[in-house]
Every structure is written in C-alpha cells, then in structure tokens.
Amino acid sequence: MAKIVSTLEAHLDLTRPVEEITQVISAVIASQPHKRKEILEGLDIAVGNALAEIQAQEEKDQKPNDDSSGKVS
C-alpha cells in the first residue's frame, strides 16, 4: 500500500532566525493557500502566547522581593 506524505524539510541558519522562520512560513502558506488564514491565525495565537509568557516573566523579574502591597499587619 502506497503511503503519500507531503513534507517540508528545512535547515535553518539560527544566526538569522527571523528571516529563516519567515521563509519557512511563506513556503508552508504557498503549499496550502486555501488554509492561509487558518495557518496565520494559529501562528498568531502561538506567537501571542509566547509573548505573553515573556511579558509575565519580565514583570515577575521586576517585582521587588518584599511585600509592598501596602497592607498593615
């Protein structure tokens, strides 16, 4: 029985991550133009989640270690 698989193999130059990832995304979209919106929406969610995690970590790192909530014990 034949097994037909559509794959994309990519080797990325990690010294140029934005350009390389952009090229991969473009290649995927070009191979699936009817799913362009779905692909981009999925990427938008994934990127948004990653940025939210980074922001939360940055905010956590900037908080002082003491309890400065203003509460009086």
Protein backbone atom coordinates (compact mmCIF):
# COMPACT_ATOMS: atom_id res chain seq x y z
CA MET A 1 0.00 0.00 0.00
CA ALA A 2 1.41 3.37 -1.01
CA LYS A 3 1.91 5.98 1.64
CA ILE A 4 1.88 9.53 0.30
CA VAL A 5 3.10 12.25 2.62
CA SER A 6 3.59 15.90 1.88
CA THR A 7 6.53 17.19 3.91
CA LEU A 8 8.82 20.16 4.06
CA GLU A 9 12.34 19.68 5.31
CA ALA A 10 14.10 22.83 6.40
CA HIS A 11 17.58 23.62 7.59
CA LEU A 12 17.65 26.97 9.34
CA ASP A 13 20.54 29.35 9.86
CA LEU A 14 19.97 30.18 13.52
CA THR A 15 22.10 33.31 13.22
CA ARG A 16 19.19 34.74 11.15
CA PRO A 17 16.12 33.34 12.92
CA VAL A 18 13.52 35.87 11.81
CA GLU A 19 14.40 35.67 8.13
CA GLU A 20 14.63 31.89 8.19
CA ILE A 21 11.34 31.35 10.03
CA THR A 22 9.63 33.84 7.72
CA GLN A 23 10.81 31.84 4.71
CA VAL A 24 9.50 28.61 6.20
CA ILE A 25 6.12 30.18 6.95
CA SER A 26 5.97 31.53 3.40
CA ALA A 27 6.76 28.08 1.99
CA VAL A 28 4.06 26.43 4.09
CA ILE A 29 1.47 29.02 3.09
CA ALA A 30 2.44 28.68 -0.57
CA SER A 31 1.85 24.92 -0.34
CA GLN A 32 -1.52 25.39 1.40
CA PRO A 33 -3.02 28.62 0.01
CA HIS A 34 -6.57 27.52 0.89
CA LYS A 35 -5.51 27.26 4.57
CA ARG A 36 -3.62 30.56 4.63
CA LYS A 37 -5.94 32.24 7.13
CA GLU A 38 -6.06 29.17 9.41
CA ILE A 39 -2.26 28.88 9.38
CA LEU A 40 -1.72 32.55 10.11
CA GLU A 41 -4.35 32.58 12.87
CA GLY A 42 -2.66 29.58 14.50
CA LEU A 43 0.70 31.31 14.30
CA ASP A 44 -0.81 34.49 15.71
CA ILE A 45 -2.10 32.57 18.73
CA ALA A 46 1.20 30.74 19.25
CA VAL A 47 3.25 33.94 18.98
CA GLY A 48 0.81 35.81 21.24
CA ASN A 49 1.07 33.09 23.88
CA ALA A 50 4.87 33.11 23.71
CA LEU A 51 4.97 36.90 24.04
CA ALA A 52 2.56 36.78 26.98
CA GLU A 53 4.82 34.28 28.75
CA ILE A 54 7.84 36.51 28.17
CA GLN A 55 5.98 39.56 29.43
CA ALA A 56 4.76 37.72 32.53
CA GLN A 57 8.31 36.57 33.29
CA GLU A 58 9.68 40.09 32.79
CA GLU A 59 7.03 41.51 35.13
CA LYS A 60 7.81 38.82 37.69
CA ASP A 61 11.53 39.61 37.46
CA GLN A 62 10.87 43.34 38.00
CA LYS A 63 8.76 42.89 41.16
CA PRO A 64 10.58 43.56 44.42
CA ASN A 65 11.01 40.54 46.66
CA ASP A 66 9.40 42.21 49.66
CA ASP A 67 5.65 42.55 50.22
CA SER A 68 4.97 46.10 49.13
CA SER A 69 1.23 45.65 48.85
CA GLY A 70 0.63 48.37 51.42
CA LYS A 71 -1.12 46.01 53.82
CA VAL A 72 -0.58 46.64 57.52
CA SER A 73 -0.17 43.56 59.67
